[in-house]
C-alpha cells in the first residue's frame, strides 16, 4: 500500500484554525482516545468508531429515519425522536433520508491523499502566517500508521506540522514520530497523580515520562493546560505545572485552556450523559487570573 492510500478514522477537518499552533492552520481531528477526561470538549472524538449524532433542535419528527433504518434504531412517539443506541451501527441510512439535516455520522475512514488534498489548499495562508497542519483528536498517536503517514505527507509538502497529544501512547510512540513533528502540543491535565488517574484513566507518570523524553530529545514542546473550575484550578496544580515546566529543557511555553461547556450539547447528540452538568464555563476574567497565576511562577511564556 502506498503511503497516500493509508487510511484512518477522521472526525473532521477544520480549515482556518487559529488556536491549534502558530499561524493559520488546518486541524485534522482523528477519532478515538484512550482517556476518559470528564471535561472533554470533543466527546464525539473519544470512541474508536463512527457514531450517529442527532440534532434535536432540527428534528421535525417526520419519521423518514424510522422507515429507512434496517435495524429499527430510531423511533418517533409522544416523547419525540429517540434512538436505540444499542441497535445503531452508524450505517448512515437515516442520515441520507433526513430532510432537515437533523442526523449526522461523526467519523469516517479517510485516505491520507484525501486529507492532504484539503490541507494543501491553504498553503498560501500557512506561508504568510507561519501556520500549517495540526493533528488533533481524540488522540492522533493512537492511530500510529495513519498519523505517521499524514506527518510524512506534510513533510514532503514542506508544511509545518503540529501534533496535539495527551501522551497516552507513551514516550516510545511519540519519539518515533518526533522527527516528523515541528511542534508538540502536549496536554498536562492534573499535577496530583491520584486525581490524574481517577479522572483520565491514565497514570500521570506516563505523561511525565513522555514529556521528559521528548524534551531530552530536543523536540519543541508547548504545554496545554485545561483548567476546570472546581476541579483543577488549585494552587498546588499551578505549582505543579510550574515545576514541570522548569524541568523541561527548551519548553516553548504554556497555554491555558479555559473550560467551556460545549461538550454538554455534543454529548447529548451522541446519546451520552455529560459528566459535568453543573460546572460553569470560565469567563475572560477568570481565565486571565489563571494565566497570571502561572506567569508569576514560570520562566516560559504563558498565554
Protein backbone atom coordinates (compact mmCIF):
# COMPACT_ATOMS: atom_id res chain seq x y z
CA UNK A 1 0.00 0.00 0.00
CA UNK A 2 1.29 3.44 -0.92
CA UNK A 3 1.52 5.96 1.93
CA UNK A 4 -1.12 8.07 0.21
CA UNK A 5 -3.55 5.14 0.49
CA UNK A 6 -3.09 4.57 4.23
CA UNK A 7 -6.45 5.07 5.92
CA UNK A 8 -7.59 6.24 9.32
CA UNK A 9 -10.70 7.29 11.17
CA UNK A 10 -11.18 11.07 10.87
CA UNK A 11 -13.69 13.05 12.89
CA UNK A 12 -13.40 16.34 10.99
CA UNK A 13 -11.06 18.67 9.11
CA UNK A 14 -11.22 22.30 10.22
CA UNK A 15 -9.62 24.92 7.96
CA UNK A 16 -8.63 28.37 9.15
CA UNK A 17 -7.88 27.36 12.74
CA UNK A 18 -6.15 29.97 14.90
CA UNK A 19 -5.91 28.05 18.19
CA UNK A 20 -4.05 24.82 17.41
CA UNK A 21 -0.48 26.01 16.98
CA UNK A 22 1.19 29.01 15.35
CA UNK A 23 -0.33 30.87 12.43
CA UNK A 24 -3.33 29.87 10.34
CA UNK A 25 -3.73 26.11 10.38
CA UNK A 26 -5.78 23.22 9.13
CA UNK A 27 -6.61 20.96 12.07
CA UNK A 28 -7.34 17.32 11.33
CA UNK A 29 -9.22 15.70 14.20
CA UNK A 30 -8.69 11.96 14.38
CA UNK A 31 -11.30 9.86 16.15
CA UNK A 32 -10.53 7.70 19.16
CA UNK A 33 -8.96 8.40 22.54
CA UNK A 34 -7.95 6.04 25.37
CA UNK A 35 -8.66 8.65 28.06
CA UNK A 36 -11.88 9.38 29.96
CA UNK A 37 -11.49 13.07 30.85
CA UNK A 38 -14.90 14.23 32.17
CA UNK A 39 -14.40 17.78 30.84
CA UNK A 40 -13.63 16.69 27.27
CA UNK A 41 -14.94 19.33 24.85
CA UNK A 42 -14.92 16.83 21.96
CA UNK A 43 -16.74 13.78 23.42
CA UNK A 44 -17.59 12.65 19.91
CA UNK A 45 -13.85 12.14 19.36
CA UNK A 46 -13.47 9.53 22.11
CA UNK A 47 -14.88 6.34 20.57
CA UNK A 48 -12.78 4.42 18.04
CA UNK A 49 -15.76 4.04 15.71
CA UNK A 50 -18.21 6.20 13.76
CA UNK A 51 -21.22 7.42 15.77
CA UNK A 52 -24.63 8.82 14.93
CA UNK A 53 -25.28 12.35 16.17
CA UNK A 54 -28.83 13.69 16.49
CA UNK A 55 -29.57 17.44 16.47
CA UNK A 56 -32.88 17.62 18.35
CA UNK A 57 -33.44 21.28 17.52
CA UNK A 58 -33.62 20.44 13.79
CA UNK A 59 -35.85 17.35 14.04
CA UNK A 60 -39.44 17.63 12.75
CA UNK A 61 -40.36 14.08 13.90
CA UNK A 62 -41.32 13.22 10.31
CA UNK A 63 -40.39 9.55 10.65
CA UNK A 64 -38.27 9.28 7.49
CA UNK A 65 -35.38 7.87 9.53
CA UNK A 66 -37.64 5.24 11.09
CA UNK A 67 -38.60 3.90 7.69
CA UNK A 68 -35.01 3.91 6.42
CA UNK A 69 -33.20 2.23 9.32
CA UNK A 70 -32.61 -1.50 8.70
CA UNK A 71 -32.13 -2.18 12.43
CA UNK A 72 -35.06 -0.31 13.95
CA UNK A 73 -32.87 2.06 15.94
CA UNK A 74 -34.84 5.34 15.60
CA UNK A 75 -38.41 5.83 16.74
CA UNK A 76 -40.87 8.72 16.91
CA UNK A 77 -43.53 8.80 19.61
CA UNK A 78 -45.29 11.02 22.07
CA UNK A 79 -41.94 11.78 23.71
CA UNK A 80 -40.38 12.80 20.40
CA UNK A 81 -37.49 11.31 18.43
CA UNK A 82 -35.46 8.57 20.09
CA UNK A 83 -32.51 6.39 19.04
CA UNK A 84 -31.89 2.92 20.49
CA UNK A 85 -28.11 3.23 20.63
CA UNK A 86 -27.60 -0.49 21.18
CA UNK A 87 -29.13 -1.13 17.75
CA UNK A 88 -27.41 1.65 15.82
CA UNK A 89 -24.32 0.74 13.79
CA UNK A 90 -23.90 4.21 12.24
CA UNK A 91 -24.61 2.92 8.73
CA UNK A 92 -25.90 6.34 7.65
CA UNK A 93 -29.18 5.19 6.08
CA UNK A 94 -31.14 7.58 8.30
CA UNK A 95 -28.79 10.46 7.56
CA UNK A 96 -29.34 10.06 3.83
CA UNK A 97 -33.12 10.48 4.08
CA UNK A 98 -33.45 13.12 6.82
CA UNK A 99 -34.88 16.22 5.08
CA UNK A 100 -33.87 18.60 7.87
CA UNK A 101 -30.22 17.73 8.46
CA UNK A 102 -31.02 16.53 11.97
CA UNK A 103 -28.72 13.49 11.79
CA UNK A 104 -25.03 13.12 11.02
CA UNK A 105 -22.34 10.48 11.19
CA UNK A 106 -19.36 11.52 13.32
CA UNK A 107 -16.26 9.83 11.97
CA UNK A 108 -15.33 8.47 8.56
CA UNK A 109 -12.49 6.43 7.12
CA UNK A 110 -10.31 8.70 5.00
CA UNK A 111 -7.15 8.17 2.95
CA UNK A 112 -4.03 10.22 3.53
CA UNK A 113 -4.35 11.50 -0.03
CA UNK A 114 -7.90 12.73 0.63
CA UNK A 115 -6.91 14.54 3.81
CA UNK A 116 -3.87 16.15 2.25
CA UNK A 117 -5.93 17.33 -0.72
CA UNK A 118 -7.78 19.55 1.76
CA UNK A 119 -4.67 20.55 3.72
CA UNK A 120 -2.69 21.84 0.73
CA UNK A 121 -5.50 24.17 -0.37
CA UNK A 122 -4.43 26.72 2.22
CA UNK A 123 -0.69 26.66 1.59
CA UNK A 124 -0.58 30.45 0.87
CA UNK A 125 -2.09 31.13 4.31
CA UNK A 126 0.44 28.84 6.00
CA UNK A 127 3.33 30.55 4.23
CA UNK A 128 2.08 34.03 5.10
CA UNK A 129 1.31 33.30 8.77
CA UNK A 130 3.77 30.57 9.77
CA UNK A 131 0.90 28.09 10.01
CA UNK A 132 0.42 24.56 8.76
CA UNK A 133 -1.16 21.24 9.66
CA UNK A 134 -2.17 20.21 13.18
CA UNK A 135 -3.15 16.65 14.02
CA UNK A 136 -5.55 16.57 16.96
CA UNK A 137 -8.27 14.35 18.29
CA UNK A 138 -9.11 12.30 20.12
CA UNK A 139 -5.57 11.07 20.42
CA UNK A 140 -3.90 11.11 16.99
CA UNK A 141 -0.97 8.93 18.08
CA UNK A 142 -3.48 6.16 18.89
CA UNK A 143 -3.69 5.67 15.08
CA UNK A 144 0.08 5.40 14.63
CA UNK A 145 0.32 4.31 10.99
CA UNK A 146 -2.17 6.92 9.80
CA UNK A 147 -0.64 9.63 11.99
CA UNK A 148 2.86 8.88 10.67
CA UNK A 149 1.70 8.81 7.05
CA UNK A 150 -0.01 12.20 7.44
CA UNK A 151 3.10 13.70 9.04
CA UNK A 152 5.30 12.27 6.30
CA UNK A 153 3.00 13.75 3.67
CA UNK A 154 3.17 17.15 5.38
CA UNK A 155 6.96 16.93 5.49
CA UNK A 156 7.06 16.06 1.77
CA UNK A 157 4.90 19.13 1.08
CA UNK A 158 7.11 21.29 3.35
CA UNK A 159 4.13 22.11 5.54
CA UNK A 160 4.74 22.86 9.24
CA UNK A 161 3.25 20.10 11.41
CA UNK A 162 1.98 20.18 14.99
CA UNK A 163 0.88 17.13 16.95
CA UNK A 164 -1.61 17.72 19.74
CA UNK A 165 -1.39 14.80 22.15
CA UNK A 166 -2.27 13.62 25.63
CA UNK A 167 0.91 11.46 25.57
CA UNK A 168 -1.33 8.50 26.45
CA UNK A 169 0.53 6.32 23.95
CA UNK A 170 3.78 6.80 25.86
CA UNK A 171 7.30 8.00 25.19
CA UNK A 172 8.37 5.44 22.59
CA UNK A 173 5.39 6.15 20.32
CA UNK A 174 5.95 9.90 20.44
CA UNK A 175 9.71 9.66 19.99
CA UNK A 176 9.12 7.60 16.85
CA UNK A 177 7.05 10.48 15.44
CA UNK A 178 9.30 13.27 16.71
CA UNK A 179 11.47 13.63 13.56
CA UNK A 180 8.30 14.50 11.63
CA UNK A 181 6.80 16.95 14.16
CA UNK A 182 7.74 20.62 14.25
CA UNK A 183 5.87 21.35 17.49
CA UNK A 184 4.27 19.06 20.08
CA UNK A 185 1.22 20.45 21.88
CA UNK A 186 1.09 18.23 24.96
CA UNK A 187 -1.78 18.26 27.45
CA UNK A 188 -0.94 18.46 31.15
CA UNK A 189 -4.26 17.89 32.86
CA UNK A 190 -3.56 17.35 36.55
CA UNK A 191 -0.48 17.52 38.81
CA UNK A 192 -1.84 15.22 41.52
CA UNK A 193 -1.13 11.60 40.44
CA UNK A 194 -4.18 10.09 42.15
CA UNK A 195 -6.59 12.65 40.71
CA UNK A 196 -4.99 12.26 37.28
CA UNK A 197 -5.54 8.50 37.24
CA UNK A 198 -9.08 8.79 38.62
CA UNK A 199 -10.21 11.45 36.17
CA UNK A 200 -8.42 10.39 32.98
CA UNK A 201 -7.91 6.65 33.48
CA UNK A 202 -4.16 7.09 32.83
CA UNK A 203 -1.16 7.08 35.13
CA UNK A 204 0.31 10.57 35.32
CA UNK A 205 3.82 9.13 35.21
CA UNK A 206 3.26 8.00 31.63
CA UNK A 207 2.65 11.60 30.53
CA UNK A 208 5.53 12.97 32.59
CA UNK A 209 7.97 10.36 31.25
CA UNK A 210 6.91 11.07 27.66
CA UNK A 211 7.34 14.81 28.15
CA UNK A 212 10.79 14.44 29.60
CA UNK A 213 11.87 12.01 26.89
CA UNK A 214 10.66 14.41 24.19
CA UNK A 215 12.37 17.38 25.84
CA UNK A 216 15.64 15.49 26.19
CA UNK A 217 15.46 14.53 22.50
CA UNK A 218 15.36 18.22 21.57
CA UNK A 219 11.72 18.22 20.44
CA UNK A 220 9.87 21.54 20.51
CA UNK A 221 7.07 21.35 23.09
CA UNK A 222 4.30 23.62 24.28
CA UNK A 223 2.25 22.56 27.30
CA UNK A 224 -1.51 22.91 27.03
CA UNK A 225 -3.25 23.01 30.39
CA UNK A 226 -7.04 22.63 30.55
CA UNK A 227 -8.23 24.43 33.69
CA UNK A 228 -11.66 23.45 35.02
CA UNK A 229 -13.39 25.44 37.79
CA UNK A 230 -13.70 23.39 40.96
CA UNK A 231 -11.60 20.55 39.55
CA UNK A 232 -8.01 21.55 38.89
CA UNK A 233 -7.98 25.34 39.42
CA UNK A 234 -5.91 24.82 42.57
CA UNK A 235 -2.73 26.45 43.80
CA UNK A 236 -0.97 23.09 44.10
CA UNK A 237 -1.79 22.29 40.47
CA UNK A 238 -0.42 25.63 39.29
CA UNK A 239 2.72 24.97 41.34
CA UNK A 240 2.94 21.52 39.75
CA UNK A 241 2.69 23.00 36.25
CA UNK A 242 5.49 25.44 37.07
CA UNK A 243 7.71 22.68 38.49
CA UNK A 244 7.14 20.52 35.41
CA UNK A 245 7.88 23.44 33.08
CA UNK A 246 11.16 24.14 34.89
CA UNK A 247 12.23 20.52 34.37
CA UNK A 248 11.70 20.52 30.58
CA UNK A 249 14.66 21.98 28.66
CA UNK A 250 13.66 24.10 25.70
CA UNK A 251 9.96 24.29 26.57
CA UNK A 252 8.35 26.80 24.17
CA UNK A 253 5.61 27.97 26.50
CA UNK A 254 2.40 27.15 28.33
CA UNK A 255 -1.12 27.62 27.02
CA UNK A 256 -4.05 27.85 29.42
CA UNK A 257 -7.14 26.15 28.01
CA UNK A 258 -10.12 27.58 29.96
CA UNK A 259 -13.00 25.15 30.43
CA UNK A 260 -16.15 25.64 28.40
CA UNK A 261 -19.31 23.57 28.43
CA UNK A 262 -19.67 22.89 24.69
CA UNK A 263 -19.11 19.21 25.43
CA UNK A 264 -22.55 19.05 27.08
CA UNK A 265 -24.55 19.52 23.87
CA UNK A 266 -22.15 17.33 21.92
CA UNK A 267 -22.60 14.52 24.46
CA UNK A 268 -26.39 14.71 24.18
CA UNK A 269 -26.18 14.44 20.40
CA UNK A 270 -24.38 11.09 20.59
CA UNK A 271 -26.61 9.76 23.35
CA UNK A 272 -24.31 10.19 26.34
CA UNK A 273 -24.74 11.81 29.72
CA UNK A 274 -22.37 14.72 30.32
CA UNK A 275 -20.24 14.21 33.46
CA UNK A 276 -20.07 17.91 34.46
CA UNK A 277 -23.60 19.28 34.02
CA UNK A 278 -23.26 21.88 36.79
CA UNK A 279 -19.77 23.24 36.08
CA UNK A 280 -19.91 26.76 34.60
CA UNK A 281 -17.65 27.81 31.76
CA UNK A 282 -14.74 30.09 32.63
CA UNK A 283 -15.19 33.77 31.82
CA UNK A 284 -12.45 36.03 30.46
CA UNK A 285 -11.52 37.46 33.86
CA UNK A 286 -11.17 34.03 35.40
CA UNK A 287 -9.03 32.78 32.52
CA UNK A 288 -6.80 35.85 32.76
CA UNK A 289 -6.38 35.27 36.50
CA UNK A 290 -5.25 31.70 35.85
CA UNK A 291 -2.73 32.90 33.28
CA UNK A 292 -1.41 35.50 35.70
CA UNK A 293 -1.06 32.90 38.45
CA UNK A 294 1.01 30.70 36.16
CA UNK A 295 3.04 33.53 34.66
CA UNK A 296 4.12 34.57 38.16
CA UNK A 297 5.57 31.09 38.70
CA UNK A 298 7.02 30.25 35.29
CA UNK A 299 10.05 31.42 33.33
CA UNK A 300 8.46 30.50 29.96
CA UNK A 301 5.72 32.48 28.19
CA UNK A 302 2.16 31.79 29.37
CA UNK A 303 -0.79 32.55 27.10
